[in-house]
Amino acid sequence: MPAYLDEEFLDRVRRAYRTALRVDLKATGPIWSAIDARRADVHAALLDDTNTRLRQIFADPTSTDLYYGCDRLSRSLVPVQPEYFVEEALKAGRGLDAKRQADRVADLLDKTTSSSVVEIGPGMGRIALFAFCAGIADYTTIDLPLGLVAQACFLGRVLGPDKLWFDGEAAESATGRIKLYSVARLPSRRYGVAINVDSMTEIPWREAFRYACWLGEHARLFLSINHERHVFTVAELMAFAGMTCCQRSVVGDLDGYEPGLGYREEVYGLRRSRLEGARRGAFHVFLSARSRARHIRRLARILCFAATDSLNPKH
């Protein structure tokens, strides 16, 4: 039996998932609430007392909608035979984009004195895979509970369970492994480079600001690849988190993503000021007189959206 289907690994996955559920996730928003409804069978298998159903899912993941929302490889879209699952995940569409994004992360990491990377919302975990195989061994992912399971299923199959570490396991065993965290507890350490692709502005504003503020405190550089057709943008989030955009380019459509949105690749770094070294957070941003009015308008816009959002029972 392959190692990613054995009792020990599946027990680790179920334990990590149950730990992740101990956080209030009511604010995940309508997009992921709808997607999670499609994955109710996966959730049920993870709560079983045995690994029987979970083993079947990990053996043939596209027999479920585990990857719905982060890839077409799912029961509702394009199911594939288990033996072709990894090949299909890597050969086209988001797989090709993930390779380019991993190369970009490596380039940015070379500009820092760090060797660590953190990814928010890694989906299947393809960027983590390419980065890890390229020698970036200090790689951390942060995702919703079922996202964590999706990464465990894919990365455990490709790299092996011994290359993964789940939050809550012995700290001394984390070295040289991809570290999987849920949103239940964001890591307290600092990273050289953070990355997020196509998700940060699709979550409710409270969680988006939580991530932005955390990035302002814990990442030297932040690579964002998102479009701007949302109520708020990554640029607005990061302005209030104390990070300045130092590179920006239009990358057009991404393979495997909704066309016509016009994605932007942006790199943010810690803002430098006379108060360098002071604590940076959502309301610890030092603005020039010239830019203050613009940021006040941004804040008013986001707060207006937040007021509407709080009245919406779907969030």
C-alpha atoms as a PDB file:
ATOM      1  CA  MET A   1       0.000   0.000   0.000  1.00  0.00           C
ATOM      2  CA  PRO A   2       1.363   3.482  -0.871  1.00  0.00           C
ATOM      3  CA  ALA A   3       2.492   5.514   2.133  1.00  0.00           C
ATOM      4  CA  TYR A   4      -0.099   8.232   1.470  1.00  0.00           C
ATOM      5  CA  LEU A   5      -2.852   5.654   2.041  1.00  0.00           C
ATOM      6  CA  ASP A   6      -1.517   4.038   5.192  1.00  0.00           C
ATOM      7  CA  GLU A   7      -3.126   4.331   8.610  1.00  0.00           C
ATOM      8  CA  GLU A   8      -0.478   6.551  10.143  1.00  0.00           C
ATOM      9  CA  PHE A   9      -0.686   9.279   7.502  1.00  0.00           C
ATOM     10  CA  LEU A  10      -4.481   9.271   7.291  1.00  0.00           C
ATOM     11  CA  ASP A  11      -4.640   9.492  11.086  1.00  0.00           C
ATOM     12  CA  ARG A  12      -2.385  12.557  10.921  1.00  0.00           C
ATOM     13  CA  VAL A  13      -4.628  14.166   8.313  1.00  0.00           C
ATOM     14  CA  ARG A  14      -7.803  13.525  10.296  1.00  0.00           C
ATOM     15  CA  ARG A  15      -6.178  14.841  13.476  1.00  0.00           C
ATOM     16  CA  ALA A  16      -5.018  18.031  11.746  1.00  0.00           C
ATOM     17  CA  TYR A  17      -8.438  18.574  10.190  1.00  0.00           C
ATOM     18  CA  ARG A  18     -10.276  18.175  13.482  1.00  0.00           C
ATOM     19  CA  THR A  19      -7.895  20.602  15.150  1.00  0.00           C
ATOM     20  CA  ALA A  20      -8.516  23.121  12.365  1.00  0.00           C
ATOM     21  CA  LEU A  21     -12.272  22.928  12.936  1.00  0.00           C
ATOM     22  CA  ARG A  22     -11.866  24.417  16.410  1.00  0.00           C
ATOM     23  CA  VAL A  23     -11.915  27.943  14.982  1.00  0.00           C
ATOM     24  CA  ASP A  24     -14.998  29.983  14.135  1.00  0.00           C
ATOM     25  CA  LEU A  25     -15.149  29.831  10.326  1.00  0.00           C
ATOM     26  CA  LYS A  26     -18.522  31.539   9.862  1.00  0.00           C
ATOM     27  CA  ALA A  27     -16.749  34.340   8.010  1.00  0.00           C
ATOM     28  CA  THR A  28     -15.413  32.236   5.134  1.00  0.00           C
ATOM     29  CA  GLY A  29     -17.940  33.904   2.829  1.00  0.00           C
ATOM     30  CA  PRO A  30     -20.502  32.620   0.317  1.00  0.00           C
ATOM     31  CA  ILE A  31     -17.963  31.363  -2.237  1.00  0.00           C
ATOM     32  CA  TRP A  32     -16.249  28.866   0.023  1.00  0.00           C
ATOM     33  CA  SER A  33     -19.413  28.037   1.943  1.00  0.00           C
ATOM     34  CA  ALA A  34     -20.961  26.871  -1.336  1.00  0.00           C
ATOM     35  CA  ILE A  35     -17.834  24.937  -2.286  1.00  0.00           C
ATOM     36  CA  ASP A  36     -17.661  23.253   1.123  1.00  0.00           C
ATOM     37  CA  ALA A  37     -21.271  22.156   0.687  1.00  0.00           C
ATOM     38  CA  ARG A  38     -20.097  20.178  -2.358  1.00  0.00           C
ATOM     39  CA  ARG A  39     -17.447  18.531  -0.194  1.00  0.00           C
ATOM     40  CA  ALA A  40     -19.728  17.368   2.603  1.00  0.00           C
ATOM     41  CA  ASP A  41     -18.804  13.742   1.891  1.00  0.00           C
ATOM     42  CA  VAL A  42     -15.116  14.532   2.426  1.00  0.00           C
ATOM     43  CA  HIS A  43     -15.929  16.300   5.694  1.00  0.00           C
ATOM     44  CA  ALA A  44     -17.945  13.290   6.861  1.00  0.00           C
ATOM     45  CA  ALA A  45     -15.107  10.892   6.014  1.00  0.00           C
ATOM     46  CA  LEU A  46     -12.683  13.004   8.052  1.00  0.00           C
ATOM     47  CA  LEU A  47     -14.965  12.727  11.076  1.00  0.00           C
ATOM     48  CA  ASP A  48     -15.297   8.950  10.836  1.00  0.00           C
ATOM     49  CA  ASP A  49     -13.767   6.727  13.490  1.00  0.00           C
ATOM     50  CA  THR A  50     -11.866   4.775  10.836  1.00  0.00           C
ATOM     51  CA  ASN A  51      -9.922   5.687   7.695  1.00  0.00           C
ATOM     52  CA  THR A  52     -11.946   3.529   5.300  1.00  0.00           C
ATOM     53  CA  ARG A  53     -13.787   6.305   3.464  1.00  0.00           C
ATOM     54  CA  LEU A  54     -10.886   8.751   3.649  1.00  0.00           C
ATOM     55  CA  ARG A  55      -8.576   6.154   2.105  1.00  0.00           C
ATOM     56  CA  GLN A  56     -10.979   5.775  -0.830  1.00  0.00           C
ATOM     57  CA  ILE A  57     -10.982   9.552  -1.327  1.00  0.00           C
ATOM     58  CA  PHE A  58      -7.187   9.838  -1.195  1.00  0.00           C
ATOM     59  CA  ALA A  59      -6.873   6.909  -3.616  1.00  0.00           C
ATOM     60  CA  ASP A  60      -9.241   8.563  -6.118  1.00  0.00           C
ATOM     61  CA  PRO A  61      -9.634  12.260  -5.189  1.00  0.00           C
ATOM     62  CA  THR A  62     -11.547  13.289  -8.314  1.00  0.00           C
ATOM     63  CA  SER A  63     -14.342  10.917  -7.361  1.00  0.00           C
ATOM     64  CA  THR A  64     -15.239  13.789  -5.010  1.00  0.00           C
ATOM     65  CA  ASP A  65     -15.232  17.598  -5.195  1.00  0.00           C
ATOM     66  CA  LEU A  66     -12.215  17.914  -2.911  1.00  0.00           C
ATOM     67  CA  TYR A  67     -10.481  20.100  -5.519  1.00  0.00           C
ATOM     68  CA  TYR A  68     -13.536  22.000  -6.703  1.00  0.00           C
ATOM     69  CA  GLY A  69     -12.690  25.693  -6.543  1.00  0.00           C
ATOM     70  CA  CYS A  70      -8.953  25.227  -7.002  1.00  0.00           C
ATOM     71  CA  ASP A  71      -8.907  23.004 -10.101  1.00  0.00           C
ATOM     72  CA  ARG A  72     -11.148  21.452 -12.733  1.00  0.00           C
ATOM     73  CA  LEU A  73     -10.086  17.986 -11.518  1.00  0.00           C
ATOM     74  CA  SER A  74     -13.198  17.136  -9.532  1.00  0.00           C
ATOM     75  CA  ARG A  75     -16.300  14.996  -9.712  1.00  0.00           C
ATOM     76  CA  SER A  76     -18.480  17.891 -10.896  1.00  0.00           C
ATOM     77  CA  LEU A  77     -16.113  19.058 -13.648  1.00  0.00           C
ATOM     78  CA  VAL A  78     -13.368  16.776 -15.021  1.00  0.00           C
ATOM     79  CA  PRO A  79     -12.928  13.519 -13.121  1.00  0.00           C
ATOM     80  CA  VAL A  80      -9.867  11.503 -14.188  1.00  0.00           C
ATOM     81  CA  GLN A  81      -8.539   8.056 -13.502  1.00  0.00           C
ATOM     82  CA  PRO A  82      -6.378   7.941 -10.324  1.00  0.00           C
ATOM     83  CA  GLU A  83      -3.262   6.912 -12.242  1.00  0.00           C
ATOM     84  CA  TYR A  84      -3.437  10.111 -14.329  1.00  0.00           C
ATOM     85  CA  PHE A  85      -4.318  12.487 -11.495  1.00  0.00           C
ATOM     86  CA  VAL A  86      -0.838  13.939 -10.857  1.00  0.00           C
ATOM     87  CA  GLU A  87      -0.022  14.188 -14.565  1.00  0.00           C
ATOM     88  CA  GLU A  88      -3.243  16.099 -15.259  1.00  0.00           C
ATOM     89  CA  ALA A  89      -2.690  18.389 -12.278  1.00  0.00           C
ATOM     90  CA  LEU A  90       0.767  19.444 -13.447  1.00  0.00           C
ATOM     91  CA  LYS A  91       0.803  19.379 -17.229  1.00  0.00           C
ATOM     92  CA  ALA A  92      -1.468  22.310 -18.149  1.00  0.00           C
ATOM     93  CA  GLY A  93      -3.490  25.265 -16.932  1.00  0.00           C
ATOM     94  CA  ARG A  94      -2.853  26.020 -13.312  1.00  0.00           C
ATOM     95  CA  GLY A  95       0.039  23.572 -13.219  1.00  0.00           C
ATOM     96  CA  LEU A  96       2.014  25.651 -15.721  1.00  0.00           C
ATOM     97  CA  ASP A  97       1.141  28.862 -13.892  1.00  0.00           C
ATOM     98  CA  ALA A  98       2.255  27.301 -10.597  1.00  0.00           C
ATOM     99  CA  LYS A  99       5.688  26.529 -12.038  1.00  0.00           C
ATOM    100  CA  ARG A 100       6.123  30.144 -13.169  1.00  0.00           C
ATOM    101  CA  GLN A 101       4.898  31.415  -9.803  1.00  0.00           C
ATOM    102  CA  ALA A 102       7.337  29.162  -7.932  1.00  0.00           C
ATOM    103  CA  ASP A 103      10.181  30.536 -10.072  1.00  0.00           C
ATOM    104  CA  ARG A 104       9.027  34.069  -9.221  1.00  0.00           C
ATOM    105  CA  VAL A 105       9.038  33.248  -5.524  1.00  0.00           C
ATOM    106  CA  ALA A 106      12.590  31.896  -5.822  1.00  0.00           C
ATOM    107  CA  ASP A 107      13.715  35.102  -7.570  1.00  0.00           C
ATOM    108  CA  LEU A 108      12.226  37.251  -4.802  1.00  0.00           C
ATOM    109  CA  LEU A 109      13.692  35.048  -2.097  1.00  0.00           C
ATOM    110  CA  ASP A 110      17.141  35.721  -3.549  1.00  0.00           C
ATOM    111  CA  LYS A 111      16.568  39.415  -2.806  1.00  0.00           C
ATOM    112  CA  THR A 112      16.181  38.730   0.920  1.00  0.00           C
ATOM    113  CA  THR A 113      18.448  37.237   3.544  1.00  0.00           C
ATOM    114  CA  SER A 114      15.817  34.605   4.323  1.00  0.00           C
ATOM    115  CA  SER A 115      15.161  31.117   2.978  1.00  0.00           C
ATOM    116  CA  SER A 116      11.534  30.830   4.101  1.00  0.00           C
ATOM    117  CA  VAL A 117       8.274  31.146   2.154  1.00  0.00           C
ATOM    118  CA  VAL A 118       4.638  31.204   3.248  1.00  0.00           C
ATOM    119  CA  GLU A 119       1.648  30.816   0.933  1.00  0.00           C
ATOM    120  CA  ILE A 120      -1.886  31.860   1.811  1.00  0.00           C
ATOM    121  CA  GLY A 121      -4.584  29.861   0.047  1.00  0.00           C
ATOM    122  CA  PRO A 122      -2.377  27.354  -1.815  1.00  0.00           C
ATOM    123  CA  GLY A 123      -5.245  25.311  -3.283  1.00  0.00           C
ATOM    124  CA  MET A 124      -3.862  21.955  -4.348  1.00  0.00           C
ATOM    125  CA  GLY A 125      -0.322  22.882  -3.301  1.00  0.00           C
ATOM    126  CA  ARG A 126       1.362  22.994  -6.698  1.00  0.00           C
ATOM    127  CA  ILE A 127       3.471  26.097  -6.053  1.00  0.00           C
ATOM    128  CA  ALA A 128       4.670  24.476  -2.835  1.00  0.00           C
ATOM    129  CA  LEU A 129       5.583  21.335  -4.775  1.00  0.00           C
ATOM    130  CA  PHE A 130       7.594  23.169  -7.446  1.00  0.00           C
ATOM    131  CA  ALA A 131       9.313  25.375  -4.866  1.00  0.00           C
ATOM    132  CA  PHE A 132      10.174  22.428  -2.630  1.00  0.00           C
ATOM    133  CA  CYS A 133      11.571  20.438  -5.550  1.00  0.00           C
ATOM    134  CA  ALA A 134      13.661  23.491  -6.509  1.00  0.00           C
ATOM    135  CA  GLY A 135      15.323  23.454  -3.097  1.00  0.00           C
ATOM    136  CA  ILE A 136      13.105  25.762  -1.007  1.00  0.00           C
ATOM    137  CA  ALA A 137      12.731  23.404   1.938  1.00  0.00           C
ATOM    138  CA  ASP A 138      11.330  25.972   4.387  1.00  0.00           C
ATOM    139  CA  TYR A 139       7.848  26.324   2.886  1.00  0.00           C
ATOM    140  CA  THR A 140       4.624  26.941   4.839  1.00  0.00           C
ATOM    141  CA  THR A 141       1.016  26.875   3.644  1.00  0.00           C
ATOM    142  CA  ILE A 142      -2.044  28.422   5.311  1.00  0.00           C
ATOM    143  CA  ASP A 143      -5.577  27.478   4.293  1.00  0.00           C
ATOM    144  CA  LEU A 144      -9.100  26.598   5.384  1.00  0.00           C
ATOM    145  CA  PRO A 145      -9.526  23.129   6.946  1.00  0.00           C
ATOM    146  CA  LEU A 146     -10.583  21.323   3.763  1.00  0.00           C
ATOM    147  CA  GLY A 147      -7.888  23.191   1.854  1.00  0.00           C
ATOM    148  CA  LEU A 148      -5.360  21.701   4.241  1.00  0.00           C
ATOM    149  CA  VAL A 149      -6.745  18.241   3.423  1.00  0.00           C
ATOM    150  CA  ALA A 150      -6.544  18.968  -0.313  1.00  0.00           C
ATOM    151  CA  GLN A 151      -2.851  19.806   0.014  1.00  0.00           C
ATOM    152  CA  ALA A 152      -2.186  16.763   2.189  1.00  0.00           C
ATOM    153  CA  CYS A 153      -3.810  14.514  -0.431  1.00  0.00           C
ATOM    154  CA  PHE A 154      -1.831  15.945  -3.368  1.00  0.00           C
ATOM    155  CA  LEU A 155       1.532  16.588  -1.709  1.00  0.00           C
ATOM    156  CA  GLY A 156       1.399  13.335   0.268  1.00  0.00           C
ATOM    157  CA  ARG A 157       0.887  11.446  -2.977  1.00  0.00           C
ATOM    158  CA  VAL A 158       3.667  13.241  -4.897  1.00  0.00           C
ATOM    159  CA  LEU A 159       6.303  13.826  -2.207  1.00  0.00           C
ATOM    160  CA  GLY A 160       5.365  11.277   0.440  1.00  0.00           C
ATOM    161  CA  PRO A 161       3.955  11.798   3.960  1.00  0.00           C
ATOM    162  CA  ASP A 162       7.438  12.191   5.431  1.00  0.00           C
ATOM    163  CA  LYS A 163       7.801  15.511   3.586  1.00  0.00           C
ATOM    164  CA  LEU A 164       4.750  17.054   5.316  1.00  0.00           C
ATOM    165  CA  TRP A 165       4.306  18.506   8.791  1.00  0.00           C
ATOM    166  CA  PHE A 166       0.986  19.516  10.342  1.00  0.00           C
ATOM    167  CA  ASP A 167       0.511  22.216  12.940  1.00  0.00           C
ATOM    168  CA  GLY A 168       0.402  20.518  16.342  1.00  0.00           C
ATOM    169  CA  GLU A 169       3.003  17.859  15.547  1.00  0.00           C
ATOM    170  CA  ALA A 170       6.402  17.828  17.252  1.00  0.00           C
ATOM    171  CA  ALA A 171       8.240  21.043  16.378  1.00  0.00           C
ATOM    172  CA  GLU A 172      11.582  19.273  15.991  1.00  0.00           C
ATOM    173  CA  SER A 173      10.173  17.208  13.106  1.00  0.00           C
ATOM    174  CA  ALA A 174       9.213  20.272  11.023  1.00  0.00           C
ATOM    175  CA  THR A 175      12.686  20.933   9.589  1.00  0.00           C
ATOM    176  CA  GLY A 176      12.949  20.146   5.897  1.00  0.00           C
ATOM    177  CA  ARG A 177       9.217  19.530   5.515  1.00  0.00           C
ATOM    178  CA  ILE A 178       6.379  21.542   3.983  1.00  0.00           C
ATOM    179  CA  LYS A 179       4.476  22.905   6.959  1.00  0.00           C
ATOM    180  CA  LEU A 180       0.680  22.911   6.710  1.00  0.00           C
ATOM    181  CA  TYR A 181      -1.251  25.371   8.890  1.00  0.00           C
ATOM    182  CA  SER A 182      -4.941  26.143   8.965  1.00  0.00           C
ATOM    183  CA  VAL A 183      -6.435  29.582   9.501  1.00  0.00           C
ATOM    184  CA  ALA A 184      -7.169  28.420  13.042  1.00  0.00           C
ATOM    185  CA  ARG A 185      -3.683  29.550  14.083  1.00  0.00           C
ATOM    186  CA  LEU A 186      -1.412  31.701  11.952  1.00  0.00           C
ATOM    187  CA  PRO A 187       2.316  31.038  12.470  1.00  0.00           C
ATOM    188  CA  SER A 188       4.170  33.440  14.755  1.00  0.00           C
ATOM    189  CA  ARG A 189       7.479  33.383  12.874  1.00  0.00           C
ATOM    190  CA  ARG A 190       8.755  35.713  10.123  1.00  0.00           C
ATOM    191  CA  TYR A 191       9.170  34.806   6.439  1.00  0.00           C
ATOM    192  CA  GLY A 192      11.262  36.132   3.602  1.00  0.00           C
ATOM    193  CA  VAL A 193       8.531  35.896   0.958  1.00  0.00           C
ATOM    194  CA  ALA A 194       4.746  35.443   1.146  1.00  0.00           C
ATOM    195  CA  ILE A 195       2.511  34.666  -1.837  1.00  0.00           C
ATOM    196  CA  ASN A 196      -1.211  34.650  -2.551  1.00  0.00           C
ATOM    197  CA  VAL A 197      -2.826  33.830  -5.891  1.00  0.00           C
ATOM    198  CA  ASP A 198      -6.439  34.667  -6.709  1.00  0.00           C
ATOM    199  CA  SER A 199      -8.097  34.437  -3.315  1.00  0.00           C
ATOM    200  CA  MET A 200      -7.291  37.203  -0.859  1.00  0.00           C
ATOM    201  CA  THR A 201     -10.042  39.558  -1.983  1.00  0.00           C
ATOM    202  CA  GLU A 202     -12.633  36.803  -2.367  1.00  0.00           C
ATOM    203  CA  ILE A 203     -12.963  36.299   1.371  1.00  0.00           C
ATOM    204  CA  PRO A 204     -14.909  38.580   3.756  1.00  0.00           C
ATOM    205  CA  TRP A 205     -13.182  41.850   4.562  1.00  0.00           C
ATOM    206  CA  ARG A 206     -12.519  40.954   8.213  1.00  0.00           C
ATOM    207  CA  GLU A 207     -10.499  37.879   7.279  1.00  0.00           C
ATOM    208  CA  ALA A 208      -8.783  39.740   4.437  1.00  0.00           C
ATOM    209  CA  PHE A 209      -7.635  42.452   6.851  1.00  0.00           C
ATOM    210  CA  ARG A 210      -6.531  39.822   9.323  1.00  0.00           C
ATOM    211  CA  TYR A 211      -4.273  38.287   6.671  1.00  0.00           C
ATOM    212  CA  ALA A 212      -3.020  41.695   5.513  1.00  0.00           C
ATOM    213  CA  CYS A 213      -2.106  42.784   9.040  1.00  0.00           C
ATOM    214  CA  TRP A 214      -0.389  39.454   9.682  1.00  0.00           C
ATOM    215  CA  LEU A 215       1.627  39.839   6.465  1.00  0.00           C
ATOM    216  CA  GLY A 216       2.683  43.348   7.503  1.00  0.00           C
ATOM    217  CA  GLU A 217       4.143  41.861  10.658  1.00  0.00           C
ATOM    218  CA  HIS A 218       5.523  38.556   9.388  1.00  0.00           C
ATOM    219  CA  ALA A 219       6.678  38.854   5.749  1.00  0.00           C
ATOM    220  CA  ARG A 220       9.541  40.837   4.257  1.00  0.00           C
ATOM    221  CA  LEU A 221       8.082  40.659   0.721  1.00  0.00           C
ATOM    222  CA  PHE A 222       4.575  39.766  -0.398  1.00  0.00           C
ATOM    223  CA  LEU A 223       3.808  38.579  -3.944  1.00  0.00           C
ATOM    224  CA  SER A 224       0.149  39.020  -4.888  1.00  0.00           C
ATOM    225  CA  ILE A 225      -1.388  37.750  -8.137  1.00  0.00           C
ATOM    226  CA  ASN A 226      -5.017  38.867  -8.059  1.00  0.00           C
ATOM    227  CA  HIS A 227      -7.483  40.806 -10.175  1.00  0.00           C
ATOM    228  CA  GLU A 228      -9.145  44.043  -9.090  1.00  0.00           C
ATOM    229  CA  ARG A 229     -12.784  43.303  -9.841  1.00  0.00           C
ATOM    230  CA  HIS A 230     -13.700  43.122  -6.182  1.00  0.00           C
ATOM    231  CA  VAL A 231     -15.195  45.575  -3.728  1.00  0.00           C
ATOM    232  CA  PHE A 232     -11.720  46.024  -2.232  1.00  0.00           C
ATOM    233  CA  THR A 233      -8.284  45.352  -3.707  1.00  0.00           C
ATOM    234  CA  VAL A 234      -5.024  43.914  -2.456  1.00  0.00           C
ATOM    235  CA  ALA A 235      -3.462  47.365  -2.869  1.00  0.00           C
ATOM    236  CA  GLU A 236      -6.000  48.821  -0.453  1.00  0.00           C
ATOM    237  CA  LEU A 237      -5.490  46.004   2.042  1.00  0.00           C
ATOM    238  CA  MET A 238      -1.721  46.312   2.036  1.00  0.00           C
ATOM    239  CA  ALA A 239      -1.750  50.119   2.276  1.00  0.00           C
ATOM    240  CA  PHE A 240      -3.341  49.801   5.687  1.00  0.00           C
ATOM    241  CA  ALA A 241      -1.098  46.891   6.665  1.00  0.00           C
ATOM    242  CA  GLY A 242       2.045  49.009   6.320  1.00  0.00           C
ATOM    243  CA  MET A 243       3.440  47.527   3.096  1.00  0.00           C
ATOM    244  CA  THR A 244       4.304  49.487  -0.050  1.00  0.00           C
ATOM    245  CA  CYS A 245       3.978  48.240  -3.624  1.00  0.00           C
ATOM    246  CA  CYS A 246       7.455  48.175  -5.149  1.00  0.00           C
ATOM    247  CA  GLN A 247       6.658  46.263  -8.366  1.00  0.00           C
ATOM    248  CA  ARG A 248       3.462  46.005 -10.406  1.00  0.00           C
ATOM    249  CA  SER A 249       2.652  44.467 -13.770  1.00  0.00           C
ATOM    250  CA  VAL A 250      -0.401  43.214 -15.643  1.00  0.00           C
ATOM    251  CA  VAL A 251      -0.200  39.492 -16.341  1.00  0.00           C
ATOM    252  CA  GLY A 252      -3.491  39.165 -18.229  1.00  0.00           C
ATOM    253  CA  ASP A 253      -5.499  35.973 -17.842  1.00  0.00           C
ATOM    254  CA  LEU A 254      -4.150  32.976 -15.978  1.00  0.00           C
ATOM    255  CA  ASP A 255      -4.519  29.497 -17.458  1.00  0.00           C
ATOM    256  CA  GLY A 256      -7.393  27.674 -15.854  1.00  0.00           C
ATOM    257  CA  TYR A 257      -8.884  30.800 -14.234  1.00  0.00           C
ATOM    258  CA  GLU A 258     -11.899  32.862 -15.250  1.00  0.00           C
ATOM    259  CA  PRO A 259     -10.940  34.784 -18.433  1.00  0.00           C
ATOM    260  CA  GLY A 260     -11.186  38.506 -19.000  1.00  0.00           C
ATOM    261  CA  LEU A 261     -10.383  39.652 -15.480  1.00  0.00           C
ATOM    262  CA  GLY A 262      -6.874  40.992 -16.094  1.00  0.00           C
ATOM    263  CA  TYR A 263      -4.699  39.803 -13.239  1.00  0.00           C
ATOM    264  CA  ARG A 264      -2.035  42.020 -11.676  1.00  0.00           C
ATOM    265  CA  GLU A 265       1.215  40.791 -10.220  1.00  0.00           C
ATOM    266  CA  GLU A 266       2.293  43.043  -7.355  1.00  0.00           C
ATOM    267  CA  VAL A 267       5.194  42.850  -4.938  1.00  0.00           C
ATOM    268  CA  TYR A 268       4.844  44.580  -1.582  1.00  0.00           C
ATOM    269  CA  GLY A 269       7.601  45.358   0.892  1.00  0.00           C
ATOM    270  CA  LEU A 270       7.722  46.839   4.366  1.00  0.00           C
ATOM    271  CA  ARG A 271       7.244  50.600   4.298  1.00  0.00           C
ATOM    272  CA  ARG A 272      10.283  52.608   5.325  1.00  0.00           C
ATOM    273  CA  SER A 273       9.844  55.809   7.331  1.00  0.00           C
ATOM    274  CA  ARG A 274      11.432  57.850  10.071  1.00  0.00           C
ATOM    275  CA  LEU A 275       9.675  55.470  12.449  1.00  0.00           C
ATOM    276  CA  GLU A 276      11.275  52.375  10.957  1.00  0.00           C
ATOM    277  CA  GLY A 277      11.131  49.541  13.426  1.00  0.00           C
ATOM    278  CA  ALA A 278       7.843  50.598  14.989  1.00  0.00           C
ATOM    279  CA  ARG A 279       5.072  48.054  15.055  1.00  0.00           C
ATOM    280  CA  ARG A 280       3.200  47.898  11.741  1.00  0.00           C
ATOM    281  CA  GLY A 281      -0.446  46.931  11.560  1.00  0.00           C
ATOM    282  CA  ALA A 282      -3.739  47.936  10.010  1.00  0.00           C
ATOM    283  CA  PHE A 283      -3.827  51.241  11.910  1.00  0.00           C
ATOM    284  CA  HIS A 284      -0.069  51.777  12.378  1.00  0.00           C
ATOM    285  CA  VAL A 285       0.600  53.164   8.895  1.00  0.00           C
ATOM    286  CA  PHE A 286       2.549  56.393   8.445  1.00  0.00           C
ATOM    287  CA  LEU A 287       1.177  58.296   5.461  1.00  0.00           C
ATOM    288  CA  SER A 288       2.550  61.354   3.720  1.00  0.00           C
ATOM    289  CA  ALA A 289       0.299  64.409   3.584  1.00  0.00           C
ATOM    290  CA  ARG A 290      -0.006  63.939  -0.177  1.00  0.00           C
ATOM    291  CA  SER A 291      -1.361  60.399   0.092  1.00  0.00           C
ATOM    292  CA  ARG A 292      -3.431  60.719   3.277  1.00  0.00           C
ATOM    293  CA  ALA A 293      -6.640  61.828   1.507  1.00  0.00           C
ATOM    294  CA  ARG A 294      -6.425  58.960  -0.963  1.00  0.00           C
ATOM    295  CA  HIS A 295      -6.083  56.381   1.784  1.00  0.00           C
ATOM    296  CA  ILE A 296      -8.910  57.942   3.790  1.00  0.00           C
ATOM    297  CA  ARG A 297     -11.147  57.541   0.733  1.00  0.00           C
ATOM    298  CA  ARG A 298     -10.042  53.915   0.457  1.00  0.00           C
ATOM    299  CA  LEU A 299     -10.818  53.273   4.103  1.00  0.00           C
ATOM    300  CA  ALA A 300     -14.245  54.907   3.778  1.00  0.00           C
ATOM    301  CA  ARG A 301     -14.989  52.706   0.773  1.00  0.00           C
ATOM    302  CA  ILE A 302     -13.973  49.520   2.580  1.00  0.00           C
ATOM    303  CA  LEU A 303     -15.850  50.445   5.756  1.00  0.00           C
ATOM    304  CA  CYS A 304     -18.945  51.178   3.681  1.00  0.00           C
ATOM    305  CA  PHE A 305     -18.666  47.705   2.182  1.00  0.00           C
ATOM    306  CA  ALA A 306     -18.084  46.242   5.634  1.00  0.00           C
ATOM    307  CA  ALA A 307     -21.289  47.798   6.951  1.00  0.00           C
ATOM    308  CA  THR A 308     -23.250  46.252   4.078  1.00  0.00           C
ATOM    309  CA  ASP A 309     -21.422  42.960   4.486  1.00  0.00           C
ATOM    310  CA  SER A 310     -22.303  42.726   8.183  1.00  0.00           C
ATOM    311  CA  LEU A 311     -25.998  42.921   7.311  1.00  0.00           C
ATOM    312  CA  ASN A 312     -25.786  40.085   4.826  1.00  0.00           C
ATOM    313  CA  PRO A 313     -26.789  36.814   6.543  1.00  0.00           C
ATOM    314  CA  LYS A 314     -24.885  34.735   3.983  1.00  0.00           C
ATOM    315  CA  HIS A 315     -21.490  35.891   5.380  1.00  0.00           C
END
